[in-house]
Amino acid sequence: MKLILVLMVIITILLSGCQTNYDELAQCITTNNISMAGTSWCGHCNTQKEMFGNSFQYIDFHDCVEDRQWCINAGIEAYPAWVLADGTIILGVQSISKLTELSNC
């Protein structure tokens, strides 16, 4: 029983220090001309940002309050929206695997 408790503590410590680094994926998404549109007050947008953690800084993000004209030109009507290189708009929070697939990264 003591061994199980010790193992659980070790696993918890190891997992608490784990944070996935998506820098390369985020940079690849941006390099492949994919952008995300949203706002700072959009809960789903914030969920999407949190999936990338600090790596979100490399995503080409357009805040539709601050960069309204870009969003109008792109045809954004809801958030979050991923705008693909060909102009296709994918709405909603996307999984990391789906974004990897969409971006060919």
PDB file of N, CA and C in Angstrom:
ATOM      1  N   MET A   1       0.827  -1.191   0.000  1.00  0.00           N
ATOM      2  CA  MET A   1       0.000   0.000   0.000  1.00  0.00           C
ATOM      3  C   MET A   1       0.872   1.255   0.000  1.00  0.00           C
ATOM      4  N   LYS A   2       1.940   1.228   0.778  1.00  0.00           N
ATOM      5  CA  LYS A   2       2.831   2.373   0.835  1.00  0.00           C
ATOM      6  C   LYS A   2       3.491   2.620  -0.522  1.00  0.00           C
ATOM      7  N   LEU A   3       3.841   1.548  -1.203  1.00  0.00           N
ATOM      8  CA  LEU A   3       4.472   1.659  -2.517  1.00  0.00           C
ATOM      9  C   LEU A   3       3.533   2.312  -3.527  1.00  0.00           C
ATOM     10  N   ILE A   4       2.286   1.934  -3.485  1.00  0.00           N
ATOM     11  CA  ILE A   4       1.286   2.525  -4.398  1.00  0.00           C
ATOM     12  C   ILE A   4       1.154   4.022  -4.127  1.00  0.00           C
ATOM     13  N   LEU A   5       1.114   4.381  -2.864  1.00  0.00           N
ATOM     14  CA  LEU A   5       1.006   5.794  -2.491  1.00  0.00           C
ATOM     15  C   LEU A   5       2.218   6.582  -2.979  1.00  0.00           C
ATOM     16  N   VAL A   6       3.402   6.047  -2.805  1.00  0.00           N
ATOM     17  CA  VAL A   6       4.630   6.698  -3.259  1.00  0.00           C
ATOM     18  C   VAL A   6       4.619   6.852  -4.781  1.00  0.00           C
ATOM     19  N   LEU A   7       4.208   5.802  -5.490  1.00  0.00           N
ATOM     20  CA  LEU A   7       4.131   5.871  -6.957  1.00  0.00           C
ATOM     21  C   LEU A   7       3.123   6.922  -7.411  1.00  0.00           C
ATOM     22  N   MET A   8       1.995   7.015  -6.726  1.00  0.00           N
ATOM     23  CA  MET A   8       0.986   8.013  -7.094  1.00  0.00           C
ATOM     24  C   MET A   8       1.530   9.427  -6.896  1.00  0.00           C
ATOM     25  N   VAL A   9       2.262   9.646  -5.822  1.00  0.00           N
ATOM     26  CA  VAL A   9       2.848  10.964  -5.565  1.00  0.00           C
ATOM     27  C   VAL A   9       3.870  11.298  -6.643  1.00  0.00           C
ATOM     28  N   ILE A  10       4.717  10.350  -7.009  1.00  0.00           N
ATOM     29  CA  ILE A  10       5.727  10.575  -8.042  1.00  0.00           C
ATOM     30  C   ILE A  10       5.063  10.888  -9.380  1.00  0.00           C
ATOM     31  N   ILE A  11       4.052  10.134  -9.731  1.00  0.00           N
ATOM     32  CA  ILE A  11       3.340  10.368 -11.000  1.00  0.00           C
ATOM     33  C   ILE A  11       2.686  11.749 -11.000  1.00  0.00           C
ATOM     34  N   THR A  12       2.073  12.121  -9.899  1.00  0.00           N
ATOM     35  CA  THR A  12       1.434  13.438  -9.802  1.00  0.00           C
ATOM     36  C   THR A  12       2.460  14.555  -9.974  1.00  0.00           C
ATOM     37  N   ILE A  13       3.612  14.412  -9.350  1.00  0.00           N
ATOM     38  CA  ILE A  13       4.671  15.425  -9.470  1.00  0.00           C
ATOM     39  C   ILE A  13       5.149  15.520 -10.912  1.00  0.00           C
ATOM     40  N   LEU A  14       5.351  14.372 -11.537  1.00  0.00           N
ATOM     41  CA  LEU A  14       5.820  14.376 -12.925  1.00  0.00           C
ATOM     42  C   LEU A  14       4.796  14.993 -13.866  1.00  0.00           C
ATOM     43  N   LEU A  15       3.533  14.646 -13.691  1.00  0.00           N
ATOM     44  CA  LEU A  15       2.487  15.175 -14.572  1.00  0.00           C
ATOM     45  C   LEU A  15       2.256  16.659 -14.354  1.00  0.00           C
ATOM     46  N   SER A  16       2.417  17.142 -13.138  1.00  0.00           N
ATOM     47  CA  SER A  16       2.194  18.570 -12.891  1.00  0.00           C
ATOM     48  C   SER A  16       3.249  19.422 -13.582  1.00  0.00           C
ATOM     49  N   GLY A  17       4.413  18.861 -13.845  1.00  0.00           N
ATOM     50  CA  GLY A  17       5.471  19.592 -14.531  1.00  0.00           C
ATOM     51  C   GLY A  17       5.405  19.467 -16.031  1.00  0.00           C
ATOM     52  N   CYS A  18       4.494  18.630 -16.530  1.00  0.00           N
ATOM     53  CA  CYS A  18       4.396  18.408 -17.975  1.00  0.00           C
ATOM     54  C   CYS A  18       3.578  19.521 -18.618  1.00  0.00           C
ATOM     55  N   GLN A  19       4.144  20.119 -19.606  1.00  0.00           N
ATOM     56  CA  GLN A  19       3.403  21.084 -20.408  1.00  0.00           C
ATOM     57  C   GLN A  19       3.853  20.891 -21.838  1.00  0.00           C
ATOM     58  N   THR A  20       2.907  20.600 -22.697  1.00  0.00           N
ATOM     59  CA  THR A  20       3.243  20.339 -24.082  1.00  0.00           C
ATOM     60  C   THR A  20       3.643  21.635 -24.759  1.00  0.00           C
ATOM     61  N   ASN A  21       4.683  21.559 -25.571  1.00  0.00           N
ATOM     62  CA  ASN A  21       5.173  22.709 -26.299  1.00  0.00           C
ATOM     63  C   ASN A  21       4.732  22.569 -27.755  1.00  0.00           C
ATOM     64  N   TYR A  22       3.873  23.464 -28.175  1.00  0.00           N
ATOM     65  CA  TYR A  22       3.351  23.429 -29.532  1.00  0.00           C
ATOM     66  C   TYR A  22       3.957  24.528 -30.408  1.00  0.00           C
ATOM     67  N   ASP A  23       5.148  25.010 -30.060  1.00  0.00           N
ATOM     68  CA  ASP A  23       5.777  26.086 -30.829  1.00  0.00           C
ATOM     69  C   ASP A  23       5.879  25.740 -32.308  1.00  0.00           C
ATOM     70  N   GLU A  24       6.412  24.562 -32.614  1.00  0.00           N
ATOM     71  CA  GLU A  24       6.606  24.186 -34.023  1.00  0.00           C
ATOM     72  C   GLU A  24       5.279  24.092 -34.757  1.00  0.00           C
ATOM     73  N   LEU A  25       4.275  23.518 -34.127  1.00  0.00           N
ATOM     74  CA  LEU A  25       2.966  23.406 -34.771  1.00  0.00           C
ATOM     75  C   LEU A  25       2.376  24.786 -35.018  1.00  0.00           C
ATOM     76  N   ALA A  26       2.407  25.651 -34.011  1.00  0.00           N
ATOM     77  CA  ALA A  26       1.841  26.993 -34.155  1.00  0.00           C
ATOM     78  C   ALA A  26       2.558  27.771 -35.261  1.00  0.00           C
ATOM     79  N   GLN A  27       3.875  27.651 -35.320  1.00  0.00           N
ATOM     80  CA  GLN A  27       4.631  28.336 -36.369  1.00  0.00           C
ATOM     81  C   GLN A  27       4.297  27.759 -37.738  1.00  0.00           C
ATOM     82  N   CYS A  28       4.144  26.454 -37.821  1.00  0.00           N
ATOM     83  CA  CYS A  28       3.803  25.809 -39.093  1.00  0.00           C
ATOM     84  C   CYS A  28       2.417  26.237 -39.561  1.00  0.00           C
ATOM     85  N   ILE A  29       1.464  26.299 -38.635  1.00  0.00           N
ATOM     86  CA  ILE A  29       0.105  26.735 -38.982  1.00  0.00           C
ATOM     87  C   ILE A  29       0.157  28.131 -39.589  1.00  0.00           C
ATOM     88  N   THR A  30       0.888  29.030 -38.953  1.00  0.00           N
ATOM     89  CA  THR A  30       1.004  30.404 -39.452  1.00  0.00           C
ATOM     90  C   THR A  30       1.757  30.446 -40.774  1.00  0.00           C
ATOM     91  N   THR A  31       2.826  29.676 -40.887  1.00  0.00           N
ATOM     92  CA  THR A  31       3.599  29.623 -42.135  1.00  0.00           C
ATOM     93  C   THR A  31       2.731  29.151 -43.295  1.00  0.00           C
ATOM     94  N   ASN A  32       1.770  28.261 -43.000  1.00  0.00           N
ATOM     95  CA  ASN A  32       0.879  27.743 -44.031  1.00  0.00           C
ATOM     96  C   ASN A  32      -0.350  28.623 -44.236  1.00  0.00           C
ATOM     97  N   ASN A  33      -0.238  29.880 -43.808  1.00  0.00           N
ATOM     98  CA  ASN A  33      -1.265  30.908 -44.042  1.00  0.00           C
ATOM     99  C   ASN A  33      -2.626  30.561 -43.457  1.00  0.00           C
ATOM    100  N   ILE A  34      -2.606  30.037 -42.248  1.00  0.00           N
ATOM    101  CA  ILE A  34      -3.846  29.781 -41.522  1.00  0.00           C
ATOM    102  C   ILE A  34      -3.886  30.750 -40.351  1.00  0.00           C
ATOM    103  N   SER A  35      -5.025  31.392 -40.186  1.00  0.00           N
ATOM    104  CA  SER A  35      -5.193  32.393 -39.137  1.00  0.00           C
ATOM    105  C   SER A  35      -6.379  32.029 -38.263  1.00  0.00           C
ATOM    106  N   MET A  36      -6.355  32.536 -37.049  1.00  0.00           N
ATOM    107  CA  MET A  36      -7.498  32.381 -36.155  1.00  0.00           C
ATOM    108  C   MET A  36      -8.087  33.753 -35.888  1.00  0.00           C
ATOM    109  N   ALA A  37      -9.400  33.824 -35.923  1.00  0.00           N
ATOM    110  CA  ALA A  37     -10.109  35.062 -35.608  1.00  0.00           C
ATOM    111  C   ALA A  37     -10.960  34.828 -34.370  1.00  0.00           C
ATOM    112  N   GLY A  38     -11.035  35.844 -33.530  1.00  0.00           N
ATOM    113  CA  GLY A  38     -11.835  35.749 -32.314  1.00  0.00           C
ATOM    114  C   GLY A  38     -11.811  37.064 -31.583  1.00  0.00           C
ATOM    115  N   THR A  39     -12.101  37.016 -30.302  1.00  0.00           N
ATOM    116  CA  THR A  39     -12.052  38.204 -29.462  1.00  0.00           C
ATOM    117  C   THR A  39     -11.481  37.811 -28.107  1.00  0.00           C
ATOM    118  N   SER A  40     -11.099  38.805 -27.336  1.00  0.00           N
ATOM    119  CA  SER A  40     -10.554  38.530 -26.001  1.00  0.00           C
ATOM    120  C   SER A  40     -11.647  38.079 -25.035  1.00  0.00           C
ATOM    121  N   TRP A  41     -12.900  38.463 -25.294  1.00  0.00           N
ATOM    122  CA  TRP A  41     -13.988  38.114 -24.388  1.00  0.00           C
ATOM    123  C   TRP A  41     -14.698  36.810 -24.755  1.00  0.00           C
ATOM    124  N   CYS A  42     -14.294  36.175 -25.834  1.00  0.00           N
ATOM    125  CA  CYS A  42     -14.928  34.938 -26.301  1.00  0.00           C
ATOM    126  C   CYS A  42     -14.383  33.737 -25.512  1.00  0.00           C
ATOM    127  N   GLY A  43     -15.226  33.095 -24.758  1.00  0.00           N
ATOM    128  CA  GLY A  43     -14.809  31.956 -23.949  1.00  0.00           C
ATOM    129  C   GLY A  43     -14.246  30.813 -24.762  1.00  0.00           C
ATOM    130  N   HIS A  44     -14.877  30.503 -25.892  1.00  0.00           N
ATOM    131  CA  HIS A  44     -14.391  29.415 -26.744  1.00  0.00           C
ATOM    132  C   HIS A  44     -13.042  29.776 -27.373  1.00  0.00           C
ATOM    133  N   CYS A  45     -12.865  31.050 -27.687  1.00  0.00           N
ATOM    134  CA  CYS A  45     -11.574  31.509 -28.220  1.00  0.00           C
ATOM    135  C   CYS A  45     -10.488  31.314 -27.169  1.00  0.00           C
ATOM    136  N   ASN A  46     -10.804  31.643 -25.935  1.00  0.00           N
ATOM    137  CA  ASN A  46      -9.837  31.490 -24.859  1.00  0.00           C
ATOM    138  C   ASN A  46      -9.521  30.017 -24.610  1.00  0.00           C
ATOM    139  N   THR A  47     -10.516  29.153 -24.767  1.00  0.00           N
ATOM    140  CA  THR A  47     -10.277  27.712 -24.660  1.00  0.00           C
ATOM    141  C   THR A  47      -9.297  27.275 -25.737  1.00  0.00           C
ATOM    142  N   GLN A  48      -9.495  27.755 -26.961  1.00  0.00           N
ATOM    143  CA  GLN A  48      -8.606  27.398 -28.057  1.00  0.00           C
ATOM    144  C   GLN A  48      -7.192  27.896 -27.787  1.00  0.00           C
ATOM    145  N   LYS A  49      -7.075  29.122 -27.290  1.00  0.00           N
ATOM    146  CA  LYS A  49      -5.764  29.685 -26.964  1.00  0.00           C
ATOM    147  C   LYS A  49      -5.063  28.853 -25.894  1.00  0.00           C
ATOM    148  N   GLU A  50      -5.810  28.452 -24.871  1.00  0.00           N
ATOM    149  CA  GLU A  50      -5.238  27.678 -23.768  1.00  0.00           C
ATOM    150  C   GLU A  50      -4.706  26.328 -24.240  1.00  0.00           C
ATOM    151  N   MET A  51      -5.283  25.773 -25.296  1.00  0.00           N
ATOM    152  CA  MET A  51      -4.810  24.488 -25.821  1.00  0.00           C
ATOM    153  C   MET A  51      -3.364  24.600 -26.293  1.00  0.00           C
ATOM    154  N   PHE A  52      -2.992  25.770 -26.789  1.00  0.00           N
ATOM    155  CA  PHE A  52      -1.633  26.006 -27.266  1.00  0.00           C
ATOM    156  C   PHE A  52      -0.704  26.512 -26.165  1.00  0.00           C
ATOM    157  N   GLY A  53      -1.260  26.989 -25.076  1.00  0.00           N
ATOM    158  CA  GLY A  53      -0.431  27.541 -24.008  1.00  0.00           C
ATOM    159  C   GLY A  53       0.382  28.720 -24.533  1.00  0.00           C
ATOM    160  N   ASN A  54       1.634  28.801 -24.107  1.00  0.00           N
ATOM    161  CA  ASN A  54       2.511  29.898 -24.531  1.00  0.00           C
ATOM    162  C   ASN A  54       2.790  29.873 -26.028  1.00  0.00           C
ATOM    163  N   SER A  55       2.603  28.752 -26.663  1.00  0.00           N
ATOM    164  CA  SER A  55       2.858  28.630 -28.103  1.00  0.00           C
ATOM    165  C   SER A  55       1.849  29.414 -28.938  1.00  0.00           C
ATOM    166  N   PHE A  56       0.742  29.838 -28.309  1.00  0.00           N
ATOM    167  CA  PHE A  56      -0.265  30.593 -29.065  1.00  0.00           C
ATOM    168  C   PHE A  56       0.307  31.887 -29.628  1.00  0.00           C
ATOM    169  N   GLN A  57       1.371  32.388 -29.036  1.00  0.00           N
ATOM    170  CA  GLN A  57       1.991  33.623 -29.530  1.00  0.00           C
ATOM    171  C   GLN A  57       2.414  33.507 -30.988  1.00  0.00           C
ATOM    172  N   TYR A  58       2.598  32.281 -31.481  1.00  0.00           N
ATOM    173  CA  TYR A  58       3.038  32.075 -32.859  1.00  0.00           C
ATOM    174  C   TYR A  58       1.872  31.915 -33.845  1.00  0.00           C
ATOM    175  N   ILE A  59       0.655  31.865 -33.327  1.00  0.00           N
ATOM    176  CA  ILE A  59      -0.524  31.758 -34.185  1.00  0.00           C
ATOM    177  C   ILE A  59      -0.851  33.152 -34.725  1.00  0.00           C
ATOM    178  N   ASP A  60      -1.197  33.218 -35.999  1.00  0.00           N
ATOM    179  CA  ASP A  60      -1.634  34.482 -36.603  1.00  0.00           C
ATOM    180  C   ASP A  60      -3.068  34.732 -36.137  1.00  0.00           C
ATOM    181  N   PHE A  61      -3.201  35.452 -35.023  1.00  0.00           N
ATOM    182  CA  PHE A  61      -4.502  35.694 -34.401  1.00  0.00           C
ATOM    183  C   PHE A  61      -4.974  37.112 -34.687  1.00  0.00           C
ATOM    184  N   HIS A  62      -6.239  37.214 -35.062  1.00  0.00           N
ATOM    185  CA  HIS A  62      -6.854  38.521 -35.323  1.00  0.00           C
ATOM    186  C   HIS A  62      -8.011  38.712 -34.359  1.00  0.00           C
ATOM    187  N   ASP A  63      -7.882  39.711 -33.493  1.00  0.00           N
ATOM    188  CA  ASP A  63      -8.952  40.066 -32.569  1.00  0.00           C
ATOM    189  C   ASP A  63      -9.951  40.904 -33.360  1.00  0.00           C
ATOM    190  N   CYS A  64     -11.160  40.413 -33.482  1.00  0.00           N
ATOM    191  CA  CYS A  64     -12.148  41.067 -34.343  1.00  0.00           C
ATOM    192  C   CYS A  64     -12.708  42.355 -33.763  1.00  0.00           C
ATOM    193  N   VAL A  65     -12.332  42.689 -32.541  1.00  0.00           N
ATOM    194  CA  VAL A  65     -12.668  44.004 -31.995  1.00  0.00           C
ATOM    195  C   VAL A  65     -11.591  44.987 -32.425  1.00  0.00           C
ATOM    196  N   GLU A  66     -10.336  44.579 -32.274  1.00  0.00           N
ATOM    197  CA  GLU A  66      -9.207  45.453 -32.608  1.00  0.00           C
ATOM    198  C   GLU A  66      -8.885  45.469 -34.100  1.00  0.00           C
ATOM    199  N   ASP A  67      -9.120  44.357 -34.784  1.00  0.00           N
ATOM    200  CA  ASP A  67      -8.778  44.222 -36.207  1.00  0.00           C
ATOM    201  C   ASP A  67     -10.055  43.915 -36.999  1.00  0.00           C
ATOM    202  N   ARG A  68     -11.041  44.772 -36.775  1.00  0.00           N
ATOM    203  CA  ARG A  68     -12.387  44.558 -37.320  1.00  0.00           C
ATOM    204  C   ARG A  68     -12.396  44.400 -38.841  1.00  0.00           C
ATOM    205  N   GLN A  69     -11.646  45.245 -39.534  1.00  0.00           N
ATOM    206  CA  GLN A  69     -11.658  45.204 -40.992  1.00  0.00           C
ATOM    207  C   GLN A  69     -11.131  43.876 -41.524  1.00  0.00           C
ATOM    208  N   TRP A  70     -10.101  43.326 -40.896  1.00  0.00           N
ATOM    209  CA  TRP A  70      -9.568  42.029 -41.327  1.00  0.00           C
ATOM    210  C   TRP A  70     -10.660  40.973 -41.221  1.00  0.00           C
ATOM    211  N   CYS A  71     -11.386  40.986 -40.118  1.00  0.00           N
ATOM    212  CA  CYS A  71     -12.446  40.001 -39.896  1.00  0.00           C
ATOM    213  C   CYS A  71     -13.596  40.180 -40.885  1.00  0.00           C
ATOM    214  N   ILE A  72     -13.943  41.418 -41.187  1.00  0.00           N
ATOM    215  CA  ILE A  72     -14.988  41.680 -42.184  1.00  0.00           C
ATOM    216  C   ILE A  72     -14.542  41.164 -43.543  1.00  0.00           C
ATOM    217  N   ASN A  73     -13.319  41.494 -43.927  1.00  0.00           N
ATOM    218  CA  ASN A  73     -12.798  41.050 -45.228  1.00  0.00           C
ATOM    219  C   ASN A  73     -12.726  39.526 -45.332  1.00  0.00           C
ATOM    220  N   ALA A  74     -12.439  38.866 -44.215  1.00  0.00           N
ATOM    221  CA  ALA A  74     -12.333  37.405 -44.210  1.00  0.00           C
ATOM    222  C   ALA A  74     -13.703  36.729 -44.158  1.00  0.00           C
ATOM    223  N   GLY A  75     -14.747  37.486 -43.841  1.00  0.00           N
ATOM    224  CA  GLY A  75     -16.095  36.916 -43.766  1.00  0.00           C
ATOM    225  C   GLY A  75     -16.404  36.251 -42.436  1.00  0.00           C
ATOM    226  N   ILE A  76     -15.757  36.705 -41.381  1.00  0.00           N
ATOM    227  CA  ILE A  76     -15.953  36.116 -40.053  1.00  0.00           C
ATOM    228  C   ILE A  76     -17.300  36.553 -39.488  1.00  0.00           C
ATOM    229  N   GLU A  77     -18.120  35.567 -39.100  1.00  0.00           N
ATOM    230  CA  GLU A  77     -19.432  35.850 -38.514  1.00  0.00           C
ATOM    231  C   GLU A  77     -19.599  35.249 -37.129  1.00  0.00           C
ATOM    232  N   ALA A  78     -18.666  34.396 -36.713  1.00  0.00           N
ATOM    233  CA  ALA A  78     -18.726  33.763 -35.389  1.00  0.00           C
ATOM    234  C   ALA A  78     -17.304  33.428 -34.957  1.00  0.00           C
ATOM    235  N   TYR A  79     -17.145  33.185 -33.655  1.00  0.00           N
ATOM    236  CA  TYR A  79     -15.816  32.917 -33.110  1.00  0.00           C
ATOM    237  C   TYR A  79     -15.818  31.620 -32.312  1.00  0.00           C
ATOM    238  N   PRO A  80     -14.674  31.001 -32.158  1.00  0.00           N
ATOM    239  CA  PRO A  80     -13.452  31.213 -32.920  1.00  0.00           C
ATOM    240  C   PRO A  80     -13.626  30.725 -34.351  1.00  0.00           C
ATOM    241  N   ALA A  81     -12.855  31.307 -35.226  1.00  0.00           N
ATOM    242  CA  ALA A  81     -12.887  30.923 -36.634  1.00  0.00           C
ATOM    243  C   ALA A  81     -11.457  30.749 -37.119  1.00  0.00           C
ATOM    244  N   TRP A  82     -11.227  29.643 -37.777  1.00  0.00           N
ATOM    245  CA  TRP A  82      -9.922  29.388 -38.404  1.00  0.00           C
ATOM    246  C   TRP A  82     -10.080  29.648 -39.885  1.00  0.00           C
ATOM    247  N   VAL A  83      -9.254  30.519 -40.435  1.00  0.00           N
ATOM    248  CA  VAL A  83      -9.311  30.864 -41.853  1.00  0.00           C
ATOM    249  C   VAL A  83      -8.143  30.162 -42.541  1.00  0.00           C
ATOM    250  N   LEU A  84      -8.485  29.237 -43.427  1.00  0.00           N
ATOM    251  CA  LEU A  84      -7.468  28.480 -44.141  1.00  0.00           C
ATOM    252  C   LEU A  84      -6.906  29.293 -45.291  1.00  0.00           C
ATOM    253  N   ALA A  85      -5.809  28.837 -45.845  1.00  0.00           N
ATOM    254  CA  ALA A  85      -5.117  29.552 -46.924  1.00  0.00           C
ATOM    255  C   ALA A  85      -6.027  29.821 -48.111  1.00  0.00           C
ATOM    256  N   ASP A  86      -6.970  28.906 -48.389  1.00  0.00           N
ATOM    257  CA  ASP A  86      -7.870  29.077 -49.535  1.00  0.00           C
ATOM    258  C   ASP A  86      -9.113  29.909 -49.205  1.00  0.00           C
ATOM    259  N   GLY A  87      -9.171  30.450 -47.974  1.00  0.00           N
ATOM    260  CA  GLY A  87     -10.301  31.276 -47.566  1.00  0.00           C
ATOM    261  C   GLY A  87     -11.411  30.516 -46.866  1.00  0.00           C
ATOM    262  N   THR A  88     -11.316  29.199 -46.820  1.00  0.00           N
ATOM    263  CA  THR A  88     -12.314  28.396 -46.114  1.00  0.00           C
ATOM    264  C   THR A  88     -12.293  28.759 -44.634  1.00  0.00           C
ATOM    265  N   ILE A  89     -13.473  28.857 -44.046  1.00  0.00           N
ATOM    266  CA  ILE A  89     -13.596  29.190 -42.628  1.00  0.00           C
ATOM    267  C   ILE A  89     -14.089  27.963 -41.878  1.00  0.00           C
ATOM    268  N   ILE A  90     -13.350  27.590 -40.836  1.00  0.00           N
ATOM    269  CA  ILE A  90     -13.717  26.480 -39.961  1.00  0.00           C
ATOM    270  C   ILE A  90     -14.091  27.094 -38.618  1.00  0.00           C
ATOM    271  N   LEU A  91     -15.344  26.911 -38.214  1.00  0.00           N
ATOM    272  CA  LEU A  91     -15.828  27.515 -36.972  1.00  0.00           C
ATOM    273  C   LEU A  91     -15.674  26.580 -35.776  1.00  0.00           C
ATOM    274  N   GLY A  92     -15.483  27.176 -34.624  1.00  0.00           N
ATOM    275  CA  GLY A  92     -15.459  26.432 -33.379  1.00  0.00           C
ATOM    276  C   GLY A  92     -14.064  26.053 -32.925  1.00  0.00           C
ATOM    277  N   VAL A  93     -14.003  25.575 -31.690  1.00  0.00           N
ATOM    278  CA  VAL A  93     -12.746  25.109 -31.119  1.00  0.00           C
ATOM    279  C   VAL A  93     -12.333  23.840 -31.857  1.00  0.00           C
ATOM    280  N   GLN A  94     -11.104  23.809 -32.332  1.00  0.00           N
ATOM    281  CA  GLN A  94     -10.582  22.660 -33.074  1.00  0.00           C
ATOM    282  C   GLN A  94      -9.540  21.937 -32.228  1.00  0.00           C
ATOM    283  N   SER A  95      -9.520  20.633 -32.314  1.00  0.00           N
ATOM    284  CA  SER A  95      -8.512  19.859 -31.592  1.00  0.00           C
ATOM    285  C   SER A  95      -7.143  20.096 -32.224  1.00  0.00           C
ATOM    286  N   ILE A  96      -6.112  19.824 -31.461  1.00  0.00           N
ATOM    287  CA  ILE A  96      -4.758  19.960 -31.978  1.00  0.00           C
ATOM    288  C   ILE A  96      -4.576  19.027 -33.168  1.00  0.00           C
ATOM    289  N   SER A  97      -5.126  17.823 -33.090  1.00  0.00           N
ATOM    290  CA  SER A  97      -4.984  16.886 -34.215  1.00  0.00           C
ATOM    291  C   SER A  97      -5.709  17.383 -35.460  1.00  0.00           C
ATOM    292  N   LYS A  98      -6.859  18.006 -35.294  1.00  0.00           N
ATOM    293  CA  LYS A  98      -7.597  18.555 -36.438  1.00  0.00           C
ATOM    294  C   LYS A  98      -6.827  19.713 -37.062  1.00  0.00           C
ATOM    295  N   LEU A  99      -6.236  20.576 -36.248  1.00  0.00           N
ATOM    296  CA  LEU A  99      -5.452  21.685 -36.772  1.00  0.00           C
ATOM    297  C   LEU A  99      -4.191  21.185 -37.478  1.00  0.00           C
ATOM    298  N   THR A 100      -3.617  20.127 -36.957  1.00  0.00           N
ATOM    299  CA  THR A 100      -2.454  19.511 -37.604  1.00  0.00           C
ATOM    300  C   THR A 100      -2.846  18.999 -38.981  1.00  0.00           C
ATOM    301  N   GLU A 101      -4.008  18.367 -39.060  1.00  0.00           N
ATOM    302  CA  GLU A 101      -4.510  17.838 -40.333  1.00  0.00           C
ATOM    303  C   GLU A 101      -4.843  18.967 -41.316  1.00  0.00           C
ATOM    304  N   LEU A 102      -5.565  19.984 -40.847  1.00  0.00           N
ATOM    305  CA  LEU A 102      -5.967  21.089 -41.720  1.00  0.00           C
ATOM    306  C   LEU A 102      -4.767  21.859 -42.276  1.00  0.00           C
ATOM    307  N   SER A 103      -3.710  21.944 -41.481  1.00  0.00           N
ATOM    308  CA  SER A 103      -2.553  22.739 -41.874  1.00  0.00           C
ATOM    309  C   SER A 103      -1.462  21.932 -42.577  1.00  0.00           C
ATOM    310  N   ASN A 104      -1.644  20.621 -42.614  1.00  0.00           N
ATOM    311  CA  ASN A 104      -0.607  19.724 -43.155  1.00  0.00           C
ATOM    312  C   ASN A 104       0.709  19.868 -42.407  1.00  0.00           C
ATOM    313  N   CYS A 105       0.628  20.097 -41.126  1.00  0.00           N
ATOM    314  CA  CYS A 105       1.826  20.254 -40.304  1.00  0.00           C
ATOM    315  C   CYS A 105       2.163  18.961 -39.576  1.00  0.00           C
TER     316      CYS A 105
END
